[in-house]
PDB file of all heavy atoms in Angstrom:
ATOM      1  N   ARG A   1      -8.754 -22.367  -5.780  1.00  0.00           N
ATOM      2  CA  ARG A   1      -9.742 -21.371  -5.364  1.00  0.00           C
ATOM      3  C   ARG A   1      -9.229 -20.538  -4.205  1.00  0.00           C
ATOM      4  O   ARG A   1      -9.496 -19.337  -4.124  1.00  0.00           O
ATOM      5  CB  ARG A   1     -11.041 -22.078  -4.968  1.00  0.00           C
ATOM      6  CG  ARG A   1     -11.792 -22.698  -6.139  1.00  0.00           C
ATOM      7  CD  ARG A   1     -13.081 -23.349  -5.656  1.00  0.00           C
ATOM      8  NE  ARG A   1     -13.812 -23.947  -6.758  1.00  0.00           N
ATOM      9  CZ  ARG A   1     -14.971 -24.596  -6.612  1.00  0.00           C
ATOM     10  NH1 ARG A   1     -15.501 -24.738  -5.400  1.00  0.00           N
ATOM     11  NH2 ARG A   1     -15.576 -25.115  -7.655  1.00  0.00           N
ATOM     12  N   ILE A   2      -8.489 -21.181  -3.290  1.00  0.00           N
ATOM     13  CA  ILE A   2      -7.934 -20.460  -2.149  1.00  0.00           C
ATOM     14  C   ILE A   2      -6.925 -19.428  -2.616  1.00  0.00           C
ATOM     15  O   ILE A   2      -6.913 -18.286  -2.139  1.00  0.00           O
ATOM     16  CB  ILE A   2      -7.289 -21.450  -1.155  1.00  0.00           C
ATOM     17  CG1 ILE A   2      -8.362 -22.326  -0.519  1.00  0.00           C
ATOM     18  CG2 ILE A   2      -6.499 -20.711  -0.085  1.00  0.00           C
ATOM     19  CD1 ILE A   2      -7.821 -23.365   0.437  1.00  0.00           C
ATOM     20  N   VAL A   3      -6.056 -19.814  -3.564  1.00  0.00           N
ATOM     21  CA  VAL A   3      -5.066 -18.882  -4.094  1.00  0.00           C
ATOM     22  C   VAL A   3      -5.751 -17.709  -4.779  1.00  0.00           C
ATOM     23  O   VAL A   3      -5.387 -16.543  -4.587  1.00  0.00           O
ATOM     24  CB  VAL A   3      -4.112 -19.599  -5.068  1.00  0.00           C
ATOM     25  CG1 VAL A   3      -3.169 -18.605  -5.736  1.00  0.00           C
ATOM     26  CG2 VAL A   3      -3.323 -20.673  -4.344  1.00  0.00           C
ATOM     27  N   THR A   4      -6.770 -18.008  -5.570  1.00  0.00           N
ATOM     28  CA  THR A   4      -7.506 -16.954  -6.278  1.00  0.00           C
ATOM     29  C   THR A   4      -8.176 -16.001  -5.299  1.00  0.00           C
ATOM     30  O   THR A   4      -8.117 -14.775  -5.456  1.00  0.00           O
ATOM     31  CB  THR A   4      -8.563 -17.572  -7.205  1.00  0.00           C
ATOM     32  OG1 THR A   4      -7.920 -18.453  -8.133  1.00  0.00           O
ATOM     33  CG2 THR A   4      -9.302 -16.480  -7.966  1.00  0.00           C
ATOM     34  N   ALA A   5      -8.805 -16.562  -4.276  1.00  0.00           N
ATOM     35  CA  ALA A   5      -9.472 -15.732  -3.280  1.00  0.00           C
ATOM     36  C   ALA A   5      -8.467 -14.858  -2.536  1.00  0.00           C
ATOM     37  O   ALA A   5      -8.725 -13.673  -2.272  1.00  0.00           O
ATOM     38  CB  ALA A   5     -10.237 -16.608  -2.287  1.00  0.00           C
ATOM     39  N   THR A   6      -7.312 -15.426  -2.211  1.00  0.00           N
ATOM     40  CA  THR A   6      -6.276 -14.653  -1.517  1.00  0.00           C
ATOM     41  C   THR A   6      -5.798 -13.491  -2.371  1.00  0.00           C
ATOM     42  O   THR A   6      -5.639 -12.357  -1.882  1.00  0.00           O
ATOM     43  CB  THR A   6      -5.077 -15.559  -1.167  1.00  0.00           C
ATOM     44  OG1 THR A   6      -5.529 -16.651  -0.362  1.00  0.00           O
ATOM     45  CG2 THR A   6      -4.017 -14.780  -0.412  1.00  0.00           C
ATOM     46  N   LEU A   7      -5.599 -13.751  -3.657  1.00  0.00           N
ATOM     47  CA  LEU A   7      -5.143 -12.692  -4.555  1.00  0.00           C
ATOM     48  C   LEU A   7      -6.205 -11.617  -4.743  1.00  0.00           C
ATOM     49  O   LEU A   7      -5.890 -10.426  -4.881  1.00  0.00           O
ATOM     50  CB  LEU A   7      -4.743 -13.289  -5.906  1.00  0.00           C
ATOM     51  CG  LEU A   7      -3.512 -14.204  -5.883  1.00  0.00           C
ATOM     52  CD1 LEU A   7      -3.248 -14.783  -7.266  1.00  0.00           C
ATOM     53  CD2 LEU A   7      -2.288 -13.450  -5.387  1.00  0.00           C
ATOM     54  N   LEU A   8      -7.470 -12.015  -4.760  1.00  0.00           N
ATOM     55  CA  LEU A   8      -8.544 -11.031  -4.883  1.00  0.00           C
ATOM     56  C   LEU A   8      -8.595 -10.114  -3.662  1.00  0.00           C
ATOM     57  O   LEU A   8      -8.775  -8.903  -3.781  1.00  0.00           O
ATOM     58  CB  LEU A   8      -9.887 -11.741  -5.077  1.00  0.00           C
ATOM     59  CG  LEU A   8     -10.117 -12.391  -6.439  1.00  0.00           C
ATOM     60  CD1 LEU A   8     -11.424 -13.184  -6.435  1.00  0.00           C
ATOM     61  CD2 LEU A   8     -10.142 -11.337  -7.543  1.00  0.00           C
ATOM     62  N   VAL A   9      -8.448 -10.708  -2.480  1.00  0.00           N
ATOM     63  CA  VAL A   9      -8.415  -9.906  -1.258  1.00  0.00           C
ATOM     64  C   VAL A   9      -7.203  -8.984  -1.266  1.00  0.00           C
ATOM     65  O   VAL A   9      -7.279  -7.813  -0.872  1.00  0.00           O
ATOM     66  CB  VAL A   9      -8.398 -10.807  -0.009  1.00  0.00           C
ATOM     67  CG1 VAL A   9      -8.209  -9.978   1.254  1.00  0.00           C
ATOM     68  CG2 VAL A   9      -9.688 -11.611   0.081  1.00  0.00           C
ATOM     69  N   ALA A  10      -6.063  -9.510  -1.721  1.00  0.00           N
ATOM     70  CA  ALA A  10      -4.842  -8.707  -1.788  1.00  0.00           C
ATOM     71  C   ALA A  10      -5.016  -7.535  -2.749  1.00  0.00           C
ATOM     72  O   ALA A  10      -4.589  -6.409  -2.453  1.00  0.00           O
ATOM     73  CB  ALA A  10      -3.668  -9.581  -2.235  1.00  0.00           C
ATOM     74  N   ARG A  11      -5.672  -7.782  -3.880  1.00  0.00           N
ATOM     75  CA  ARG A  11      -5.893  -6.699  -4.841  1.00  0.00           C
ATOM     76  C   ARG A  11      -6.796  -5.626  -4.255  1.00  0.00           C
ATOM     77  O   ARG A  11      -6.573  -4.424  -4.451  1.00  0.00           O
ATOM     78  CB  ARG A  11      -6.511  -7.265  -6.125  1.00  0.00           C
ATOM     79  CG  ARG A  11      -6.658  -6.230  -7.234  1.00  0.00           C
ATOM     80  CD  ARG A  11      -7.240  -6.844  -8.482  1.00  0.00           C
ATOM     81  NE  ARG A  11      -8.622  -7.262  -8.300  1.00  0.00           N
ATOM     82  CZ  ARG A  11      -9.387  -7.771  -9.259  1.00  0.00           C
ATOM     83  NH1 ARG A  11      -8.870  -7.959 -10.470  1.00  0.00           N
ATOM     84  NH2 ARG A  11     -10.633  -8.128  -9.024  1.00  0.00           N
ATOM     85  N   GLN A  12      -7.820  -6.051  -3.508  1.00  0.00           N
ATOM     86  CA  GLN A  12      -8.702  -5.085  -2.866  1.00  0.00           C
ATOM     87  C   GLN A  12      -7.940  -4.254  -1.842  1.00  0.00           C
ATOM     88  O   GLN A  12      -8.112  -3.032  -1.751  1.00  0.00           O
ATOM     89  CB  GLN A  12      -9.862  -5.805  -2.183  1.00  0.00           C
ATOM     90  CG  GLN A  12     -10.840  -4.839  -1.497  1.00  0.00           C
ATOM     91  CD  GLN A  12     -11.825  -5.567  -0.610  1.00  0.00           C
ATOM     92  OE1 GLN A  12     -11.478  -6.577   0.010  1.00  0.00           O
ATOM     93  NE2 GLN A  12     -13.054  -5.085  -0.549  1.00  0.00           N
ATOM     94  N   ALA A  13      -7.074  -4.902  -1.067  1.00  0.00           N
ATOM     95  CA  ALA A  13      -6.286  -4.188  -0.060  1.00  0.00           C
ATOM     96  C   ALA A  13      -5.327  -3.197  -0.711  1.00  0.00           C
ATOM     97  O   ALA A  13      -5.129  -2.082  -0.208  1.00  0.00           O
ATOM     98  CB  ALA A  13      -5.506  -5.184   0.798  1.00  0.00           C
ATOM     99  N   MET A  14      -4.738  -3.594  -1.821  1.00  0.00           N
ATOM    100  CA  MET A  14      -3.844  -2.686  -2.535  1.00  0.00           C
ATOM    101  C   MET A  14      -4.606  -1.476  -3.065  1.00  0.00           C
ATOM    102  O   MET A  14      -4.114  -0.354  -3.009  1.00  0.00           O
ATOM    103  CB  MET A  14      -3.159  -3.421  -3.691  1.00  0.00           C
ATOM    104  CG  MET A  14      -2.150  -4.454  -3.255  1.00  0.00           C
ATOM    105  SD  MET A  14      -1.288  -5.241  -4.654  1.00  0.00           S
ATOM    106  CE  MET A  14      -0.303  -3.872  -5.251  1.00  0.00           C
ATOM    107  N   GLY A  15      -5.811  -1.715  -3.552  1.00  0.00           N
ATOM    108  CA  GLY A  15      -6.635  -0.609  -4.037  1.00  0.00           C
ATOM    109  C   GLY A  15      -7.006   0.364  -2.932  1.00  0.00           C
ATOM    110  O   GLY A  15      -7.009   1.591  -3.126  1.00  0.00           O
ATOM    111  N   GLN A  16      -7.296  -0.161  -1.758  1.00  0.00           N
ATOM    112  CA  GLN A  16      -7.613   0.692  -0.617  1.00  0.00           C
ATOM    113  C   GLN A  16      -6.405   1.500  -0.176  1.00  0.00           C
ATOM    114  O   GLN A  16      -6.540   2.621   0.316  1.00  0.00           O
ATOM    115  CB  GLN A  16      -8.129  -0.156   0.544  1.00  0.00           C
ATOM    116  CG  GLN A  16      -9.484  -0.797   0.290  1.00  0.00           C
ATOM    117  CD  GLN A  16      -9.895  -1.735   1.410  1.00  0.00           C
ATOM    118  OE1 GLN A  16      -9.078  -2.146   2.229  1.00  0.00           O
ATOM    119  NE2 GLN A  16     -11.174  -2.097   1.438  1.00  0.00           N
ATOM    120  N   SER A  17      -5.215   0.919  -0.320  1.00  0.00           N
ATOM    121  CA  SER A  17      -3.994   1.596   0.111  1.00  0.00           C
ATOM    122  C   SER A  17      -3.568   2.690  -0.849  1.00  0.00           C
ATOM    123  O   SER A  17      -2.811   3.589  -0.471  1.00  0.00           O
ATOM    124  CB  SER A  17      -2.848   0.578   0.240  1.00  0.00           C
ATOM    125  OG  SER A  17      -3.185  -0.444   1.143  1.00  0.00           O
ATOM    126  N   ALA A  18      -4.009   2.606  -2.088  1.00  0.00           N
ATOM    127  CA  ALA A  18      -3.545   3.528  -3.127  1.00  0.00           C
ATOM    128  C   ALA A  18      -4.322   4.831  -3.164  1.00  0.00           C
ATOM    129  O   ALA A  18      -4.341   5.519  -4.177  1.00  0.00           O
ATOM    130  CB  ALA A  18      -3.615   2.839  -4.489  1.00  0.00           C
ATOM    131  N   ARG A  19      -4.952   5.183  -2.075  1.00  0.00           N
ATOM    132  CA  ARG A  19      -5.675   6.449  -2.025  1.00  0.00           C
ATOM    133  C   ARG A  19      -5.828   6.889  -0.571  1.00  0.00           C
ATOM    134  O   ARG A  19      -5.621   6.115   0.349  1.00  0.00           O
ATOM    135  CB  ARG A  19      -7.067   6.297  -2.664  1.00  0.00           C
ATOM    136  CG  ARG A  19      -7.963   5.269  -1.991  1.00  0.00           C
ATOM    137  CD  ARG A  19      -9.328   5.202  -2.664  1.00  0.00           C
ATOM    138  NE  ARG A  19     -10.238   4.283  -1.999  1.00  0.00           N
ATOM    139  CZ  ARG A  19     -10.350   2.997  -2.282  1.00  0.00           C
ATOM    140  NH1 ARG A  19      -9.600   2.492  -3.249  1.00  0.00           N
ATOM    141  NH2 ARG A  19     -11.198   2.222  -1.619  1.00  0.00           N
ATOM    142  N   GLY A  20      -6.168   8.152  -0.410  1.00  0.00           N
ATOM    143  CA  GLY A  20      -6.442   8.664   0.929  1.00  0.00           C
ATOM    144  C   GLY A  20      -5.219   9.247   1.619  1.00  0.00           C
ATOM    145  O   GLY A  20      -4.090   9.192   1.127  1.00  0.00           O
ATOM    146  N   LEU A  21      -5.467   9.773   2.798  1.00  0.00           N
ATOM    147  CA  LEU A  21      -4.411  10.416   3.573  1.00  0.00           C
ATOM    148  C   LEU A  21      -3.376   9.414   4.065  1.00  0.00           C
ATOM    149  O   LEU A  21      -2.208   9.758   4.237  1.00  0.00           O
ATOM    150  CB  LEU A  21      -5.026  11.159   4.765  1.00  0.00           C
ATOM    151  CG  LEU A  21      -5.904  12.369   4.419  1.00  0.00           C
ATOM    152  CD1 LEU A  21      -6.500  12.962   5.691  1.00  0.00           C
ATOM    153  CD2 LEU A  21      -5.086  13.425   3.672  1.00  0.00           C
ATOM    154  N   ARG A  22      -3.807   8.179   4.331  1.00  0.00           N
ATOM    155  CA  ARG A  22      -2.849   7.179   4.800  1.00  0.00           C
ATOM    156  C   ARG A  22      -1.780   6.928   3.762  1.00  0.00           C
ATOM    157  O   ARG A  22      -0.609   6.723   4.099  1.00  0.00           O
ATOM    158  CB  ARG A  22      -3.553   5.873   5.158  1.00  0.00           C
ATOM    159  CG  ARG A  22      -2.606   4.839   5.747  1.00  0.00           C
ATOM    160  CD  ARG A  22      -3.326   3.653   6.339  1.00  0.00           C
ATOM    161  NE  ARG A  22      -3.974   2.837   5.332  1.00  0.00           N
ATOM    162  CZ  ARG A  22      -4.554   1.666   5.574  1.00  0.00           C
ATOM    163  NH1 ARG A  22      -4.584   1.209   6.810  1.00  0.00           N
ATOM    164  NH2 ARG A  22      -5.130   0.977   4.604  1.00  0.00           N
ATOM    165  N   LEU A  23      -2.155   6.939   2.488  1.00  0.00           N
ATOM    166  CA  LEU A  23      -1.172   6.748   1.422  1.00  0.00           C
ATOM    167  C   LEU A  23      -0.121   7.848   1.484  1.00  0.00           C
ATOM    168  O   LEU A  23       1.079   7.584   1.397  1.00  0.00           O
ATOM    169  CB  LEU A  23      -1.864   6.748   0.062  1.00  0.00           C
ATOM    170  CG  LEU A  23      -0.923   6.768  -1.153  1.00  0.00           C
ATOM    171  CD1 LEU A  23      -0.087   5.498  -1.200  1.00  0.00           C
ATOM    172  CD2 LEU A  23      -1.718   6.944  -2.443  1.00  0.00           C
ATOM    173  N   VAL A  24      -0.567   9.092   1.645  1.00  0.00           N
ATOM    174  CA  VAL A  24       0.362  10.220   1.679  1.00  0.00           C
ATOM    175  C   VAL A  24       1.283  10.118   2.892  1.00  0.00           C
ATOM    176  O   VAL A  24       2.509  10.254   2.780  1.00  0.00           O
ATOM    177  CB  VAL A  24      -0.412  11.556   1.704  1.00  0.00           C
ATOM    178  CG1 VAL A  24       0.549  12.731   1.837  1.00  0.00           C
ATOM    179  CG2 VAL A  24      -1.261  11.693   0.449  1.00  0.00           C
ATOM    180  N   ALA A  25       0.697   9.859   4.069  1.00  0.00           N
ATOM    181  CA  ALA A  25       1.478   9.812   5.300  1.00  0.00           C
ATOM    182  C   ALA A  25       2.491   8.673   5.276  1.00  0.00           C
ATOM    183  O   ALA A  25       3.675   8.864   5.600  1.00  0.00           O
ATOM    184  CB  ALA A  25       0.547   9.672   6.499  1.00  0.00           C
ATOM    185  N   LEU A  26       2.057   7.474   4.885  1.00  0.00           N
ATOM    186  CA  LEU A  26       2.968   6.334   4.879  1.00  0.00           C
ATOM    187  C   LEU A  26       3.997   6.435   3.758  1.00  0.00           C
ATOM    188  O   LEU A  26       5.121   5.947   3.901  1.00  0.00           O
ATOM    189  CB  LEU A  26       2.179   5.037   4.758  1.00  0.00           C
ATOM    190  CG  LEU A  26       1.308   4.675   5.966  1.00  0.00           C
ATOM    191  CD1 LEU A  26       0.632   3.330   5.772  1.00  0.00           C
ATOM    192  CD2 LEU A  26       2.115   4.672   7.246  1.00  0.00           C
ATOM    193  N   SER A  27       3.631   7.065   2.660  1.00  0.00           N
ATOM    194  CA  SER A  27       4.597   7.271   1.576  1.00  0.00           C
ATOM    195  C   SER A  27       5.714   8.205   2.035  1.00  0.00           C
ATOM    196  O   SER A  27       6.900   7.981   1.751  1.00  0.00           O
ATOM    197  CB  SER A  27       3.910   7.845   0.336  1.00  0.00           C
ATOM    198  OG  SER A  27       2.983   6.916  -0.189  1.00  0.00           O
ATOM    199  N   LEU A  28       5.332   9.263   2.763  1.00  0.00           N
ATOM    200  CA  LEU A  28       6.347  10.172   3.304  1.00  0.00           C
ATOM    201  C   LEU A  28       7.278   9.439   4.262  1.00  0.00           C
ATOM    202  O   LEU A  28       8.497   9.623   4.233  1.00  0.00           O
ATOM    203  CB  LEU A  28       5.675  11.350   4.008  1.00  0.00           C
ATOM    204  CG  LEU A  28       4.961  12.358   3.097  1.00  0.00           C
ATOM    205  CD1 LEU A  28       4.234  13.402   3.942  1.00  0.00           C
ATOM    206  CD2 LEU A  28       5.969  13.039   2.164  1.00  0.00           C
ATOM    207  N   LEU A  29       6.692   8.592   5.126  1.00  0.00           N
ATOM    208  CA  LEU A  29       7.508   7.809   6.053  1.00  0.00           C
ATOM    209  C   LEU A  29       8.436   6.863   5.298  1.00  0.00           C
ATOM    210  O   LEU A  29       9.617   6.718   5.646  1.00  0.00           O
ATOM    211  CB  LEU A  29       6.598   7.013   6.989  1.00  0.00           C
ATOM    212  CG  LEU A  29       7.292   6.075   7.993  1.00  0.00           C
ATOM    213  CD1 LEU A  29       8.146   6.869   8.966  1.00  0.00           C
ATOM    214  CD2 LEU A  29       6.269   5.235   8.749  1.00  0.00           C
ATOM    215  N   THR A  30       7.917   6.245   4.254  1.00  0.00           N
ATOM    216  CA  THR A  30       8.700   5.283   3.482  1.00  0.00           C
ATOM    217  C   THR A  30       9.889   5.937   2.792  1.00  0.00           C
ATOM    218  O   THR A  30      10.973   5.354   2.701  1.00  0.00           O
ATOM    219  CB  THR A  30       7.802   4.600   2.429  1.00  0.00           C
ATOM    220  OG1 THR A  30       6.704   3.971   3.080  1.00  0.00           O
ATOM    221  CG2 THR A  30       8.586   3.554   1.649  1.00  0.00           C
ATOM    222  N   PHE A  31       9.708   7.160   2.327  1.00  0.00           N
ATOM    223  CA  PHE A  31      10.765   7.819   1.554  1.00  0.00           C
ATOM    224  C   PHE A  31      11.683   8.687   2.405  1.00  0.00           C
ATOM    225  O   PHE A  31      12.536   9.395   1.849  1.00  0.00           O
ATOM    226  CB  PHE A  31      10.145   8.656   0.433  1.00  0.00           C
ATOM    227  CG  PHE A  31       9.705   7.832  -0.746  1.00  0.00           C
ATOM    228  CD1 PHE A  31       8.367   7.524  -0.923  1.00  0.00           C
ATOM    229  CD2 PHE A  31      10.619   7.340  -1.652  1.00  0.00           C
ATOM    230  CE1 PHE A  31       7.942   6.748  -1.995  1.00  0.00           C
ATOM    231  CE2 PHE A  31      10.225   6.564  -2.728  1.00  0.00           C
ATOM    232  CZ  PHE A  31       8.874   6.269  -2.903  1.00  0.00           C
ATOM    233  N   VAL A  32      11.532   8.631   3.728  1.00  0.00           N
ATOM    234  CA  VAL A  32      12.436   9.379   4.603  1.00  0.00           C
ATOM    235  C   VAL A  32      13.900   8.970   4.385  1.00  0.00           C
ATOM    236  O   VAL A  32      14.777   9.840   4.294  1.00  0.00           O
ATOM    237  CB  VAL A  32      12.021   9.226   6.082  1.00  0.00           C
ATOM    238  CG1 VAL A  32      13.139   9.680   7.010  1.00  0.00           C
ATOM    239  CG2 VAL A  32      10.768  10.033   6.362  1.00  0.00           C
ATOM    240  N   PRO A  33      14.241   7.667   4.321  1.00  0.00           N
ATOM    241  CA  PRO A  33      15.651   7.308   4.081  1.00  0.00           C
ATOM    242  C   PRO A  33      16.213   7.900   2.804  1.00  0.00           C
ATOM    243  O   PRO A  33      17.352   8.389   2.786  1.00  0.00           O
ATOM    244  CB  PRO A  33      15.613   5.775   4.006  1.00  0.00           C
ATOM    245  CG  PRO A  33      14.423   5.381   4.805  1.00  0.00           C
ATOM    246  CD  PRO A  33      13.410   6.465   4.541  1.00  0.00           C
ATOM    247  N   LEU A  34      15.431   7.893   1.735  1.00  0.00           N
ATOM    248  CA  LEU A  34      15.905   8.436   0.463  1.00  0.00           C
ATOM    249  C   LEU A  34      16.086   9.948   0.551  1.00  0.00           C
ATOM    250  O   LEU A  34      17.096  10.492   0.073  1.00  0.00           O
ATOM    251  CB  LEU A  34      14.924   8.080  -0.649  1.00  0.00           C
ATOM    252  CG  LEU A  34      15.274   8.586  -2.054  1.00  0.00           C
ATOM    253  CD1 LEU A  34      16.630   8.059  -2.496  1.00  0.00           C
ATOM    254  CD2 LEU A  34      14.199   8.180  -3.053  1.00  0.00           C
ATOM    255  N   MET A  35      15.134  10.633   1.167  1.00  0.00           N
ATOM    256  CA  MET A  35      15.237  12.085   1.294  1.00  0.00           C
ATOM    257  C   MET A  35      16.409  12.482   2.180  1.00  0.00           C
ATOM    258  O   MET A  35      17.143  13.431   1.881  1.00  0.00           O
ATOM    259  CB  MET A  35      13.920  12.659   1.837  1.00  0.00           C
ATOM    260  CG  MET A  35      12.745  12.514   0.885  1.00  0.00           C
ATOM    261  SD  MET A  35      11.230  13.319   1.466  1.00  0.00           S
ATOM    262  CE  MET A  35      10.782  12.241   2.845  1.00  0.00           C
ATOM    263  N   LEU A  36      16.600  11.761   3.275  1.00  0.00           N
ATOM    264  CA  LEU A  36      17.709  12.059   4.172  1.00  0.00           C
ATOM    265  C   LEU A  36      19.045  11.787   3.490  1.00  0.00           C
ATOM    266  O   LEU A  36      20.005  12.562   3.645  1.00  0.00           O
ATOM    267  CB  LEU A  36      17.580  11.209   5.439  1.00  0.00           C
ATOM    268  CG  LEU A  36      18.604  11.472   6.546  1.00  0.00           C
ATOM    269  CD1 LEU A  36      18.551  12.922   6.994  1.00  0.00           C
ATOM    270  CD2 LEU A  36      18.353  10.543   7.731  1.00  0.00           C
ATOM    271  N   THR A  37      19.116  10.710   2.732  1.00  0.00           N
ATOM    272  CA  THR A  37      20.338  10.397   1.997  1.00  0.00           C
ATOM    273  C   THR A  37      20.660  11.480   0.980  1.00  0.00           C
ATOM    274  O   THR A  37      21.820  11.907   0.851  1.00  0.00           O
ATOM    275  CB  THR A  37      20.202   9.041   1.284  1.00  0.00           C
ATOM    276  OG1 THR A  37      19.999   8.015   2.254  1.00  0.00           O
ATOM    277  CG2 THR A  37      21.440   8.728   0.465  1.00  0.00           C
TER     278      THR A  37
END
């Protein structure tokens, strides 16, 4: 049950991360090495 609950919380957090301005801003930060390369 603990594992299931942890995964459910993780799925909710992933869903929250997959939208909004934070996604755009952090995605740009994440891909800076690739763009610079």
